[in-house]
Amino acid sequence: MRILGIETSCDETGIAIYDDVQGIMAHRLYSQIAVHADYGGVVPELASRDHVRKTIPLIKEVLADANLCPEDLDGVAYTAGPGLVGALLVGCSIGRSLAYGWDLPAVPVHHMEGHLLAPMLEDNVPEFPFVALLVSGGHTMLVRVDGIGLYKLLGESVDDAAGEAFDKTAKLLGLDYPGGPALSKMAENGDPTRFKFPRPMTNKPGLDFSFSGLKTFAANTVRKELQGNEEEGSYQQTKADIAFAFQDAVIDTLSIKCRRALKECQLKRLVIAGGVSANTELRKSLAAVMDKLGGEVFYPRPEFCTDNGAMIAYAGLQRLKGNIPQDLTFKASPRWPLDSLAAISSK
């Protein structure tokens, strides 16, 4: 069985073809970083317009890369939510229309289920059940996963997601959009002993996250240590020290919560996915956590940590196999609880 996957939830257009025997046959990704860089963040209307321009050409390229035609496909999967409503509508309308024109089933996919299942694209595949940390610019959540569609939300961010906090703190440090990777790069030269940032919500029970206060702490530190000191020789070093302290606080917070979730669920398998899961220091920290617990951590390769069509194709194929009926209507869902999805039988 073979499916086309379309991802247009935010600022990346991802297209892929996944085959349940051959795996990923072809995939392409177009990033809108250059489109939004001048604005310091994603402009929803510009994102939608760019998806309109790029989606169909990328679909043609992926079909050509795989040496396939529409008759070789068994379905079309598209991201139906959550995300920016205008961007979602582009993928929904194109995906549903192509499926109708090609006489194929259309499969709406939950964006975060795509991320959660992205490690299944690798050779080392986690077995159910496991705990998943989904961490990106728009979402930070811990989920118990007992099967496809069998999700129990353990905790989530009550304000800024971790990736969003990374980008906002990077902006405070004068780094260009997208700031998260740039902040991580700057942190490599930071002094780990100079600043100590708080670990929010780790001194109380529960698995929810809050990064807004940490961002404010970073803003106050920037104001105190950097403003008016631009001419000093230690200016760039101070920025690196702040970057290190911020990143260290986020990673330590995520690690503490993961360890707590694994013990609560009595599990020793951890999946980490989403854009922030590409962070090298986070991977090191969670590897150390799992080593102490005698468990294992799974994650997708870096190119499949950010939004991509391959994860949507994979998730869509699993749901297509589940024979969940779909009519000709389509709906974009900017907000869509992950634990509301239907379970798919493993048989």
C-alpha atoms as a PDB file:
ATOM      1  CA  MET A   1       0.000   0.000   0.000  1.00  0.00           C
ATOM      2  CA  ARG A   2       1.311   3.431  -0.971  1.00  0.00           C
ATOM      3  CA  ILE A   3       0.213   6.938   0.019  1.00  0.00           C
ATOM      4  CA  LEU A   4       1.000  10.580  -0.737  1.00  0.00           C
ATOM      5  CA  GLY A   5       1.479  12.811   2.316  1.00  0.00           C
ATOM      6  CA  ILE A   6       0.936  16.598   2.357  1.00  0.00           C
ATOM      7  CA  GLU A   7       2.058  18.809   5.264  1.00  0.00           C
ATOM      8  CA  THR A   8       1.108  22.522   5.317  1.00  0.00           C
ATOM      9  CA  SER A   9       0.333  23.263   8.969  1.00  0.00           C
ATOM     10  CA  CYS A  10       2.670  26.233   9.437  1.00  0.00           C
ATOM     11  CA  ASP A  11       5.713  27.523   7.557  1.00  0.00           C
ATOM     12  CA  GLU A  12       7.012  24.395   5.795  1.00  0.00           C
ATOM     13  CA  THR A  13       5.552  22.640   2.777  1.00  0.00           C
ATOM     14  CA  GLY A  14       6.344  18.936   3.038  1.00  0.00           C
ATOM     15  CA  ILE A  15       5.425  16.297   0.468  1.00  0.00           C
ATOM     16  CA  ALA A  16       6.307  12.582   0.564  1.00  0.00           C
ATOM     17  CA  ILE A  17       5.319   9.174  -0.722  1.00  0.00           C
ATOM     18  CA  TYR A  18       5.436   6.275   1.731  1.00  0.00           C
ATOM     19  CA  ASP A  19       5.115   2.590   0.850  1.00  0.00           C
ATOM     20  CA  ASP A  20       4.439   0.026   3.582  1.00  0.00           C
ATOM     21  CA  VAL A  21       7.048  -2.315   2.042  1.00  0.00           C
ATOM     22  CA  GLN A  22       9.650   0.035   0.542  1.00  0.00           C
ATOM     23  CA  GLY A  23       9.349   2.794   3.129  1.00  0.00           C
ATOM     24  CA  ILE A  24       9.925   6.396   2.057  1.00  0.00           C
ATOM     25  CA  MET A  25      10.029   6.441  -1.738  1.00  0.00           C
ATOM     26  CA  ALA A  26      10.539  10.190  -2.127  1.00  0.00           C
ATOM     27  CA  HIS A  27      10.160  13.354  -0.083  1.00  0.00           C
ATOM     28  CA  ARG A  28      10.642  17.068  -0.546  1.00  0.00           C
ATOM     29  CA  LEU A  29      10.540  19.961   1.890  1.00  0.00           C
ATOM     30  CA  TYR A  30      10.298  23.675   1.236  1.00  0.00           C
ATOM     31  CA  SER A  31      10.986  25.998   4.171  1.00  0.00           C
ATOM     32  CA  GLN A  32       9.548  29.517   4.350  1.00  0.00           C
ATOM     33  CA  ILE A  33      12.292  30.856   6.630  1.00  0.00           C
ATOM     34  CA  ALA A  34      13.331  33.496   4.090  1.00  0.00           C
ATOM     35  CA  VAL A  35       9.692  34.603   3.671  1.00  0.00           C
ATOM     36  CA  HIS A  36       9.201  35.311   7.381  1.00  0.00           C
ATOM     37  CA  ALA A  37      12.732  36.310   8.453  1.00  0.00           C
ATOM     38  CA  ASP A  38      12.149  40.061   8.057  1.00  0.00           C
ATOM     39  CA  TYR A  39       9.152  39.855  10.402  1.00  0.00           C
ATOM     40  CA  GLY A  40      10.860  37.869  13.166  1.00  0.00           C
ATOM     41  CA  GLY A  41       8.172  35.179  13.093  1.00  0.00           C
ATOM     42  CA  VAL A  42       5.558  33.453  10.957  1.00  0.00           C
ATOM     43  CA  VAL A  43       3.036  35.709   9.203  1.00  0.00           C
ATOM     44  CA  PRO A  44      -0.028  33.467   8.688  1.00  0.00           C
ATOM     45  CA  GLU A  45      -1.284  35.095   5.483  1.00  0.00           C
ATOM     46  CA  LEU A  46       2.148  34.914   3.849  1.00  0.00           C
ATOM     47  CA  ALA A  47       2.471  31.288   4.938  1.00  0.00           C
ATOM     48  CA  SER A  48      -0.849  30.400   3.302  1.00  0.00           C
ATOM     49  CA  ARG A  49       0.057  32.132   0.050  1.00  0.00           C
ATOM     50  CA  ASP A  50       3.397  30.363  -0.130  1.00  0.00           C
ATOM     51  CA  HIS A  51       1.752  26.972   0.396  1.00  0.00           C
ATOM     52  CA  VAL A  52      -0.561  27.768  -2.520  1.00  0.00           C
ATOM     53  CA  ARG A  53       2.470  28.430  -4.712  1.00  0.00           C
ATOM     54  CA  LYS A  54       4.572  25.458  -3.617  1.00  0.00           C
ATOM     55  CA  THR A  55       2.324  22.482  -2.854  1.00  0.00           C
ATOM     56  CA  ILE A  56       1.334  21.350  -6.356  1.00  0.00           C
ATOM     57  CA  PRO A  57       4.845  21.801  -7.851  1.00  0.00           C
ATOM     58  CA  LEU A  58       6.331  19.775  -4.963  1.00  0.00           C
ATOM     59  CA  ILE A  59       3.768  17.012  -5.463  1.00  0.00           C
ATOM     60  CA  LYS A  60       4.779  16.788  -9.118  1.00  0.00           C
ATOM     61  CA  GLU A  61       8.457  16.662  -8.145  1.00  0.00           C
ATOM     62  CA  VAL A  62       7.918  13.904  -5.586  1.00  0.00           C
ATOM     63  CA  LEU A  63       5.923  11.789  -8.046  1.00  0.00           C
ATOM     64  CA  ALA A  64       8.725  12.235 -10.589  1.00  0.00           C
ATOM     65  CA  ASP A  65      11.401  11.411  -7.990  1.00  0.00           C
ATOM     66  CA  ALA A  66       9.611   8.162  -7.155  1.00  0.00           C
ATOM     67  CA  ASN A  67       8.915   7.441 -10.838  1.00  0.00           C
ATOM     68  CA  LEU A  68       5.213   7.101 -10.046  1.00  0.00           C
ATOM     69  CA  CYS A  69       1.913   8.399 -11.396  1.00  0.00           C
ATOM     70  CA  PRO A  70      -1.366   8.931  -9.482  1.00  0.00           C
ATOM     71  CA  GLU A  71      -2.595   5.481 -10.553  1.00  0.00           C
ATOM     72  CA  ASP A  72       0.224   3.978  -8.465  1.00  0.00           C
ATOM     73  CA  LEU A  73      -1.129   5.479  -5.242  1.00  0.00           C
ATOM     74  CA  ASP A  74      -3.652   4.038  -2.792  1.00  0.00           C
ATOM     75  CA  GLY A  75      -4.534   7.231  -0.960  1.00  0.00           C
ATOM     76  CA  VAL A  76      -3.777  10.875  -0.163  1.00  0.00           C
ATOM     77  CA  ALA A  77      -3.036  12.017   3.399  1.00  0.00           C
ATOM     78  CA  TYR A  78      -3.004  15.657   4.450  1.00  0.00           C
ATOM     79  CA  THR A  79      -2.525  17.540   7.700  1.00  0.00           C
ATOM     80  CA  ALA A  80      -5.951  18.642   8.923  1.00  0.00           C
ATOM     81  CA  GLY A  81      -4.770  20.206  12.207  1.00  0.00           C
ATOM     82  CA  PRO A  82      -3.681  21.564  14.523  1.00  0.00           C
ATOM     83  CA  GLY A  83      -1.913  24.567  12.991  1.00  0.00           C
ATOM     84  CA  LEU A  84      -2.572  27.864  11.224  1.00  0.00           C
ATOM     85  CA  VAL A  85      -6.068  27.656   9.777  1.00  0.00           C
ATOM     86  CA  GLY A  86      -5.205  29.289   6.445  1.00  0.00           C
ATOM     87  CA  ALA A  87      -2.155  27.097   5.926  1.00  0.00           C
ATOM     88  CA  LEU A  88      -4.127  23.998   6.885  1.00  0.00           C
ATOM     89  CA  LEU A  89      -6.898  24.840   4.424  1.00  0.00           C
ATOM     90  CA  VAL A  90      -4.414  24.870   1.558  1.00  0.00           C
ATOM     91  CA  GLY A  91      -3.280  21.310   2.262  1.00  0.00           C
ATOM     92  CA  CYS A  92      -6.813  20.128   3.094  1.00  0.00           C
ATOM     93  CA  SER A  93      -8.346  21.485  -0.107  1.00  0.00           C
ATOM     94  CA  ILE A  94      -5.510  20.269  -2.345  1.00  0.00           C
ATOM     95  CA  GLY A  95      -5.360  16.842  -0.698  1.00  0.00           C
ATOM     96  CA  ARG A  96      -9.123  16.309  -0.761  1.00  0.00           C
ATOM     97  CA  SER A  97      -9.394  17.565  -4.364  1.00  0.00           C
ATOM     98  CA  LEU A  98      -6.567  15.377  -5.643  1.00  0.00           C
ATOM     99  CA  ALA A  99      -8.057  12.343  -3.909  1.00  0.00           C
ATOM    100  CA  TYR A 100     -11.424  13.038  -5.523  1.00  0.00           C
ATOM    101  CA  GLY A 101      -9.901  13.626  -8.964  1.00  0.00           C
ATOM    102  CA  TRP A 102      -7.723  10.508  -8.713  1.00  0.00           C
ATOM    103  CA  ASP A 103     -10.566   8.415  -7.223  1.00  0.00           C
ATOM    104  CA  LEU A 104      -8.569   7.672  -4.078  1.00  0.00           C
ATOM    105  CA  PRO A 105      -9.457   7.771  -0.378  1.00  0.00           C
ATOM    106  CA  ALA A 106      -8.435  10.955   1.442  1.00  0.00           C
ATOM    107  CA  VAL A 107      -7.040  10.714   4.976  1.00  0.00           C
ATOM    108  CA  PRO A 108      -6.997  13.721   7.330  1.00  0.00           C
ATOM    109  CA  VAL A 109      -4.003  13.458   9.684  1.00  0.00           C
ATOM    110  CA  HIS A 110      -3.385  14.995  13.093  1.00  0.00           C
ATOM    111  CA  HIS A 111      -0.130  16.951  12.908  1.00  0.00           C
ATOM    112  CA  MET A 112       1.065  15.852  16.342  1.00  0.00           C
ATOM    113  CA  GLU A 113       0.264  12.209  15.630  1.00  0.00           C
ATOM    114  CA  GLY A 114       2.548  12.600  12.633  1.00  0.00           C
ATOM    115  CA  HIS A 115       5.348  13.826  14.900  1.00  0.00           C
ATOM    116  CA  LEU A 116       4.627  11.137  17.473  1.00  0.00           C
ATOM    117  CA  LEU A 117       4.942   8.392  14.847  1.00  0.00           C
ATOM    118  CA  ALA A 118       7.957   9.922  13.051  1.00  0.00           C
ATOM    119  CA  PRO A 119      10.426   7.581  14.836  1.00  0.00           C
ATOM    120  CA  MET A 120       8.621   4.714  13.083  1.00  0.00           C
ATOM    121  CA  LEU A 121      10.342   5.902   9.887  1.00  0.00           C
ATOM    122  CA  GLU A 122      13.688   4.720  11.276  1.00  0.00           C
ATOM    123  CA  ASP A 123      15.249   1.253  11.449  1.00  0.00           C
ATOM    124  CA  ASN A 124      15.104   1.144  15.244  1.00  0.00           C
ATOM    125  CA  VAL A 125      11.362   1.276  15.908  1.00  0.00           C
ATOM    126  CA  PRO A 126       9.912   1.584  19.436  1.00  0.00           C
ATOM    127  CA  GLU A 127       7.392  -1.011  20.564  1.00  0.00           C
ATOM    128  CA  PHE A 128       4.152   0.004  22.279  1.00  0.00           C
ATOM    129  CA  PRO A 129       3.625   1.116  24.972  1.00  0.00           C
ATOM    130  CA  PHE A 130       5.921   4.094  25.449  1.00  0.00           C
ATOM    131  CA  VAL A 131       5.979   7.670  26.712  1.00  0.00           C
ATOM    132  CA  ALA A 132       6.328  10.372  24.056  1.00  0.00           C
ATOM    133  CA  LEU A 133       7.706  13.866  24.554  1.00  0.00           C
ATOM    134  CA  LEU A 134       6.384  16.061  21.733  1.00  0.00           C
ATOM    135  CA  VAL A 135       8.319  19.298  21.787  1.00  0.00           C
ATOM    136  CA  SER A 136       8.181  21.980  19.103  1.00  0.00           C
ATOM    137  CA  GLY A 137       7.503  25.644  18.472  1.00  0.00           C
ATOM    138  CA  GLY A 138       3.785  25.250  19.036  1.00  0.00           C
ATOM    139  CA  HIS A 139       3.487  22.280  21.381  1.00  0.00           C
ATOM    140  CA  THR A 140       5.097  20.726  24.430  1.00  0.00           C
ATOM    141  CA  MET A 141       3.354  17.639  25.767  1.00  0.00           C
ATOM    142  CA  LEU A 142       3.925  14.270  27.358  1.00  0.00           C
ATOM    143  CA  VAL A 143       1.760  11.419  26.120  1.00  0.00           C
ATOM    144  CA  ARG A 144       1.375   7.786  27.088  1.00  0.00           C
ATOM    145  CA  VAL A 145       1.106   5.773  23.861  1.00  0.00           C
ATOM    146  CA  ASP A 146      -0.380   2.266  23.984  1.00  0.00           C
ATOM    147  CA  GLY A 147      -0.985   1.998  20.238  1.00  0.00           C
ATOM    148  CA  ILE A 148      -1.926   4.135  17.246  1.00  0.00           C
ATOM    149  CA  GLY A 149      -4.790   6.308  18.472  1.00  0.00           C
ATOM    150  CA  LEU A 150      -4.435   5.044  22.046  1.00  0.00           C
ATOM    151  CA  TYR A 151      -3.111   8.240  23.579  1.00  0.00           C
ATOM    152  CA  LYS A 152      -3.339   9.530  27.132  1.00  0.00           C
ATOM    153  CA  LEU A 153      -2.233  13.116  27.676  1.00  0.00           C
ATOM    154  CA  LEU A 154      -0.014  13.214  30.753  1.00  0.00           C
ATOM    155  CA  GLY A 155       1.007  16.874  30.701  1.00  0.00           C
ATOM    156  CA  GLU A 156       1.348  19.890  28.437  1.00  0.00           C
ATOM    157  CA  SER A 157       2.522  23.483  28.443  1.00  0.00           C
ATOM    158  CA  VAL A 158       0.132  25.914  30.104  1.00  0.00           C
ATOM    159  CA  ASP A 159       1.639  28.868  28.212  1.00  0.00           C
ATOM    160  CA  ASP A 160       4.603  29.096  25.808  1.00  0.00           C
ATOM    161  CA  ALA A 161       5.804  25.883  24.189  1.00  0.00           C
ATOM    162  CA  ALA A 162       9.504  25.106  24.603  1.00  0.00           C
ATOM    163  CA  GLY A 163      10.334  25.927  20.986  1.00  0.00           C
ATOM    164  CA  GLU A 164       8.449  29.209  21.213  1.00  0.00           C
ATOM    165  CA  ALA A 165      10.390  30.131  24.360  1.00  0.00           C
ATOM    166  CA  PHE A 166      13.642  29.305  22.527  1.00  0.00           C
ATOM    167  CA  ASP A 167      12.729  31.605  19.631  1.00  0.00           C
ATOM    168  CA  LYS A 168      11.593  34.474  21.877  1.00  0.00           C
ATOM    169  CA  THR A 169      14.714  34.298  24.053  1.00  0.00           C
ATOM    170  CA  ALA A 170      16.876  34.184  20.932  1.00  0.00           C
ATOM    171  CA  LYS A 171      15.180  37.368  19.760  1.00  0.00           C
ATOM    172  CA  LEU A 172      16.053  39.003  23.103  1.00  0.00           C
ATOM    173  CA  LEU A 173      19.683  38.105  22.367  1.00  0.00           C
ATOM    174  CA  GLY A 174      19.506  39.742  18.952  1.00  0.00           C
ATOM    175  CA  LEU A 175      19.517  36.514  16.960  1.00  0.00           C
ATOM    176  CA  ASP A 176      17.748  36.164  13.631  1.00  0.00           C
ATOM    177  CA  TYR A 177      14.609  34.098  13.037  1.00  0.00           C
ATOM    178  CA  PRO A 178      14.319  31.186  13.544  1.00  0.00           C
ATOM    179  CA  GLY A 179      16.208  31.762  16.738  1.00  0.00           C
ATOM    180  CA  GLY A 180      16.101  28.366  18.467  1.00  0.00           C
ATOM    181  CA  PRO A 181      18.922  26.696  16.504  1.00  0.00           C
ATOM    182  CA  ALA A 182      20.968  29.916  16.618  1.00  0.00           C
ATOM    183  CA  LEU A 183      20.596  30.110  20.405  1.00  0.00           C
ATOM    184  CA  SER A 184      21.741  26.490  20.740  1.00  0.00           C
ATOM    185  CA  LYS A 185      24.777  27.259  18.604  1.00  0.00           C
ATOM    186  CA  MET A 186      25.618  30.314  20.710  1.00  0.00           C
ATOM    187  CA  ALA A 187      25.205  28.284  23.919  1.00  0.00           C
ATOM    188  CA  GLU A 188      28.097  26.036  22.871  1.00  0.00           C
ATOM    189  CA  ASN A 189      30.485  28.838  23.908  1.00  0.00           C
ATOM    190  CA  GLY A 190      28.694  29.689  27.148  1.00  0.00           C
ATOM    191  CA  ASP A 191      30.126  29.431  30.653  1.00  0.00           C
ATOM    192  CA  PRO A 192      28.011  26.827  32.490  1.00  0.00           C
ATOM    193  CA  THR A 193      28.845  28.296  35.902  1.00  0.00           C
ATOM    194  CA  ARG A 194      27.971  31.974  35.402  1.00  0.00           C
ATOM    195  CA  PHE A 195      24.148  32.015  35.439  1.00  0.00           C
ATOM    196  CA  LYS A 196      21.594  29.663  36.973  1.00  0.00           C
ATOM    197  CA  PHE A 197      18.064  29.902  35.587  1.00  0.00           C
ATOM    198  CA  PRO A 198      15.001  28.397  37.343  1.00  0.00           C
ATOM    199  CA  ARG A 199      13.499  25.036  36.406  1.00  0.00           C
ATOM    200  CA  PRO A 200       9.798  25.953  36.217  1.00  0.00           C
ATOM    201  CA  MET A 201       7.150  23.679  37.768  1.00  0.00           C
ATOM    202  CA  THR A 202       9.650  20.994  38.756  1.00  0.00           C
ATOM    203  CA  ASN A 203       9.284  21.575  42.500  1.00  0.00           C
ATOM    204  CA  LYS A 204       5.619  20.549  42.505  1.00  0.00           C
ATOM    205  CA  PRO A 205       3.880  17.311  41.454  1.00  0.00           C
ATOM    206  CA  GLY A 206       2.418  16.949  37.998  1.00  0.00           C
ATOM    207  CA  LEU A 207       3.632  16.800  34.415  1.00  0.00           C
ATOM    208  CA  ASP A 208       2.545  20.155  32.986  1.00  0.00           C
ATOM    209  CA  PHE A 209       5.086  22.654  31.666  1.00  0.00           C
ATOM    210  CA  SER A 210       5.407  26.437  31.866  1.00  0.00           C
ATOM    211  CA  PHE A 211       8.114  28.348  30.012  1.00  0.00           C
ATOM    212  CA  SER A 212       6.694  31.875  30.073  1.00  0.00           C
ATOM    213  CA  GLY A 213       8.278  32.687  33.434  1.00  0.00           C
ATOM    214  CA  LEU A 214      11.622  31.315  32.282  1.00  0.00           C
ATOM    215  CA  LYS A 215      11.449  33.573  29.241  1.00  0.00           C
ATOM    216  CA  THR A 216      10.755  36.543  31.548  1.00  0.00           C
ATOM    217  CA  PHE A 217      13.719  35.565  33.737  1.00  0.00           C
ATOM    218  CA  ALA A 218      15.876  35.526  30.604  1.00  0.00           C
ATOM    219  CA  ALA A 219      14.530  38.943  29.570  1.00  0.00           C
ATOM    220  CA  ASN A 220      15.386  40.409  32.973  1.00  0.00           C
ATOM    221  CA  THR A 221      18.885  38.912  32.801  1.00  0.00           C
ATOM    222  CA  VAL A 222      19.422  40.375  29.328  1.00  0.00           C
ATOM    223  CA  ARG A 223      18.259  43.782  30.563  1.00  0.00           C
ATOM    224  CA  LYS A 224      20.545  43.670  33.599  1.00  0.00           C
ATOM    225  CA  GLU A 225      23.657  42.210  31.979  1.00  0.00           C
ATOM    226  CA  LEU A 226      23.591  43.494  28.412  1.00  0.00           C
ATOM    227  CA  GLN A 227      21.735  46.775  28.010  1.00  0.00           C
ATOM    228  CA  GLY A 228      24.197  49.650  27.939  1.00  0.00           C
ATOM    229  CA  ASN A 229      27.187  47.312  27.809  1.00  0.00           C
ATOM    230  CA  GLU A 230      27.311  46.805  24.025  1.00  0.00           C
ATOM    231  CA  GLU A 231      30.809  48.236  23.746  1.00  0.00           C
ATOM    232  CA  GLU A 232      32.376  45.972  26.350  1.00  0.00           C
ATOM    233  CA  GLY A 233      34.634  43.169  25.164  1.00  0.00           C
ATOM    234  CA  SER A 234      32.719  40.639  27.247  1.00  0.00           C
ATOM    235  CA  TYR A 235      29.390  41.470  25.544  1.00  0.00           C
ATOM    236  CA  GLN A 236      29.320  38.465  23.189  1.00  0.00           C
ATOM    237  CA  GLN A 237      30.524  36.123  25.940  1.00  0.00           C
ATOM    238  CA  THR A 238      27.725  37.302  28.215  1.00  0.00           C
ATOM    239  CA  LYS A 239      25.196  36.567  25.472  1.00  0.00           C
ATOM    240  CA  ALA A 240      26.624  33.064  25.133  1.00  0.00           C
ATOM    241  CA  ASP A 241      26.485  32.568  28.908  1.00  0.00           C
ATOM    242  CA  ILE A 242      22.800  33.594  28.976  1.00  0.00           C
ATOM    243  CA  ALA A 243      22.058  31.308  26.036  1.00  0.00           C
ATOM    244  CA  PHE A 244      23.690  28.396  27.837  1.00  0.00           C
ATOM    245  CA  ALA A 245      21.793  29.034  31.069  1.00  0.00           C
ATOM    246  CA  PHE A 246      18.464  29.289  29.272  1.00  0.00           C
ATOM    247  CA  GLN A 247      18.971  26.152  27.202  1.00  0.00           C
ATOM    248  CA  ASP A 248      20.223  24.239  30.217  1.00  0.00           C
ATOM    249  CA  ALA A 249      17.111  25.194  32.189  1.00  0.00           C
ATOM    250  CA  VAL A 250      14.747  24.078  29.412  1.00  0.00           C
ATOM    251  CA  ILE A 251      16.558  20.790  28.859  1.00  0.00           C
ATOM    252  CA  ASP A 252      16.771  20.018  32.573  1.00  0.00           C
ATOM    253  CA  THR A 253      13.055  20.786  32.976  1.00  0.00           C
ATOM    254  CA  LEU A 254      12.109  18.507  30.073  1.00  0.00           C
ATOM    255  CA  SER A 255      14.368  15.744  31.411  1.00  0.00           C
ATOM    256  CA  ILE A 256      12.927  15.948  34.926  1.00  0.00           C
ATOM    257  CA  LYS A 257       9.380  15.723  33.587  1.00  0.00           C
ATOM    258  CA  CYS A 258      10.234  12.809  31.270  1.00  0.00           C
ATOM    259  CA  ARG A 259      11.800  10.874  34.128  1.00  0.00           C
ATOM    260  CA  ARG A 260       8.718  11.576  36.258  1.00  0.00           C
ATOM    261  CA  ALA A 261       6.343  10.469  33.465  1.00  0.00           C
ATOM    262  CA  LEU A 262       8.240   7.227  32.841  1.00  0.00           C
ATOM    263  CA  LYS A 263       8.175   6.325  36.535  1.00  0.00           C
ATOM    264  CA  GLU A 264       4.477   7.209  36.776  1.00  0.00           C
ATOM    265  CA  CYS A 265       3.660   4.973  33.789  1.00  0.00           C
ATOM    266  CA  GLN A 266       6.170   2.299  34.827  1.00  0.00           C
ATOM    267  CA  LEU A 267       7.679   2.300  31.340  1.00  0.00           C
ATOM    268  CA  LYS A 268      11.245   2.305  30.051  1.00  0.00           C
ATOM    269  CA  ARG A 269      10.741   3.431  26.463  1.00  0.00           C
ATOM    270  CA  LEU A 270      10.774   7.125  25.581  1.00  0.00           C
ATOM    271  CA  VAL A 271      10.047   8.721  22.205  1.00  0.00           C
ATOM    272  CA  ILE A 272      11.068  12.307  21.547  1.00  0.00           C
ATOM    273  CA  ALA A 273       9.792  14.120  18.463  1.00  0.00           C
ATOM    274  CA  GLY A 274       9.091  17.617  17.147  1.00  0.00           C
ATOM    275  CA  GLY A 275      11.447  20.383  16.067  1.00  0.00           C
ATOM    276  CA  VAL A 276      13.202  20.780  19.428  1.00  0.00           C
ATOM    277  CA  SER A 277      13.969  17.039  19.469  1.00  0.00           C
ATOM    278  CA  ALA A 278      16.815  17.781  17.037  1.00  0.00           C
ATOM    279  CA  ASN A 279      18.614  19.642  19.849  1.00  0.00           C
ATOM    280  CA  THR A 280      21.854  17.764  20.519  1.00  0.00           C
ATOM    281  CA  GLU A 281      22.062  18.648  24.209  1.00  0.00           C
ATOM    282  CA  LEU A 282      18.467  17.541  24.803  1.00  0.00           C
ATOM    283  CA  ARG A 283      19.226  14.192  23.187  1.00  0.00           C
ATOM    284  CA  LYS A 284      22.300  13.774  25.391  1.00  0.00           C
ATOM    285  CA  SER A 285      20.338  14.598  28.526  1.00  0.00           C
ATOM    286  CA  LEU A 286      17.486  12.208  27.745  1.00  0.00           C
ATOM    287  CA  ALA A 287      19.963   9.459  26.794  1.00  0.00           C
ATOM    288  CA  ALA A 288      21.497   9.868  30.244  1.00  0.00           C
ATOM    289  CA  VAL A 289      18.048   9.678  31.860  1.00  0.00           C
ATOM    290  CA  MET A 290      17.229   6.461  30.023  1.00  0.00           C
ATOM    291  CA  ASP A 291      20.638   4.989  30.812  1.00  0.00           C
ATOM    292  CA  LYS A 292      19.989   5.461  34.521  1.00  0.00           C
ATOM    293  CA  LEU A 293      16.510   3.936  34.180  1.00  0.00           C
ATOM    294  CA  GLY A 294      17.816   1.021  32.116  1.00  0.00           C
ATOM    295  CA  GLY A 295      15.613   2.033  29.204  1.00  0.00           C
ATOM    296  CA  GLU A 296      15.912   3.366  25.663  1.00  0.00           C
ATOM    297  CA  VAL A 297      15.110   6.614  23.884  1.00  0.00           C
ATOM    298  CA  PHE A 298      13.899   6.794  20.268  1.00  0.00           C
ATOM    299  CA  TYR A 299      13.760   9.767  17.930  1.00  0.00           C
ATOM    300  CA  PRO A 300      13.602  10.498  14.195  1.00  0.00           C
ATOM    301  CA  ARG A 301      16.591  11.642  12.175  1.00  0.00           C
ATOM    302  CA  PRO A 302      17.008  15.458  12.305  1.00  0.00           C
ATOM    303  CA  GLU A 303      15.346  16.089   8.912  1.00  0.00           C
ATOM    304  CA  PHE A 304      12.165  14.414  10.205  1.00  0.00           C
ATOM    305  CA  CYS A 305      12.126  16.272  13.538  1.00  0.00           C
ATOM    306  CA  THR A 306      10.754  19.427  11.939  1.00  0.00           C
ATOM    307  CA  ASP A 307       7.479  19.429   9.979  1.00  0.00           C
ATOM    308  CA  ASN A 308       7.658  17.111   6.966  1.00  0.00           C
ATOM    309  CA  GLY A 309       5.511  15.151   4.561  1.00  0.00           C
ATOM    310  CA  ALA A 310       6.991  11.746   5.414  1.00  0.00           C
ATOM    311  CA  MET A 311       5.507  11.679   8.911  1.00  0.00           C
ATOM    312  CA  ILE A 312       2.089  12.662   7.517  1.00  0.00           C
ATOM    313  CA  ALA A 313       2.309   9.949   4.857  1.00  0.00           C
ATOM    314  CA  TYR A 314       3.240   7.332   7.474  1.00  0.00           C
ATOM    315  CA  ALA A 315       0.477   8.344   9.902  1.00  0.00           C
ATOM    316  CA  GLY A 316      -2.011   8.565   7.037  1.00  0.00           C
ATOM    317  CA  LEU A 317      -1.128   5.076   5.824  1.00  0.00           C
ATOM    318  CA  GLN A 318      -1.786   3.599   9.276  1.00  0.00           C
ATOM    319  CA  ARG A 319      -5.203   5.249   9.345  1.00  0.00           C
ATOM    320  CA  LEU A 320      -5.946   4.200   5.775  1.00  0.00           C
ATOM    321  CA  LYS A 321      -5.270   0.612   6.810  1.00  0.00           C
ATOM    322  CA  GLY A 322      -7.730   1.119   9.662  1.00  0.00           C
ATOM    323  CA  ASN A 323     -10.532   1.598   7.094  1.00  0.00           C
ATOM    324  CA  ILE A 324     -11.933   4.679   8.803  1.00  0.00           C
ATOM    325  CA  PRO A 325     -14.575   6.004   6.347  1.00  0.00           C
ATOM    326  CA  GLN A 326     -14.225   9.541   4.990  1.00  0.00           C
ATOM    327  CA  ASP A 327     -16.766  11.521   3.002  1.00  0.00           C
ATOM    328  CA  LEU A 328     -16.142  14.264   0.443  1.00  0.00           C
ATOM    329  CA  THR A 329     -16.133  17.083   2.973  1.00  0.00           C
ATOM    330  CA  PHE A 330     -12.988  18.346   4.646  1.00  0.00           C
ATOM    331  CA  LYS A 331     -12.303  20.392   7.719  1.00  0.00           C
ATOM    332  CA  ALA A 332      -9.269  22.251   9.020  1.00  0.00           C
ATOM    333  CA  SER A 333      -8.951  22.071  12.801  1.00  0.00           C
ATOM    334  CA  PRO A 334      -6.584  24.708  14.257  1.00  0.00           C
ATOM    335  CA  ARG A 335      -7.215  23.131  17.669  1.00  0.00           C
ATOM    336  CA  TRP A 336      -7.585  19.353  17.816  1.00  0.00           C
ATOM    337  CA  PRO A 337      -6.935  17.351  21.006  1.00  0.00           C
ATOM    338  CA  LEU A 338      -4.569  14.457  20.311  1.00  0.00           C
ATOM    339  CA  ASP A 339      -6.393  12.152  22.736  1.00  0.00           C
ATOM    340  CA  SER A 340      -9.647  12.563  20.774  1.00  0.00           C
ATOM    341  CA  LEU A 341      -8.372  10.448  17.862  1.00  0.00           C
ATOM    342  CA  ALA A 342      -9.876   7.071  17.066  1.00  0.00           C
ATOM    343  CA  ALA A 343      -7.798   4.018  17.918  1.00  0.00           C
ATOM    344  CA  ILE A 344      -6.473   1.827  15.111  1.00  0.00           C
ATOM    345  CA  SER A 345      -6.417  -1.932  15.548  1.00  0.00           C
ATOM    346  CA  SER A 346      -2.932  -3.460  15.483  1.00  0.00           C
ATOM    347  CA  LYS A 347      -4.266  -6.547  13.700  1.00  0.00           C
END
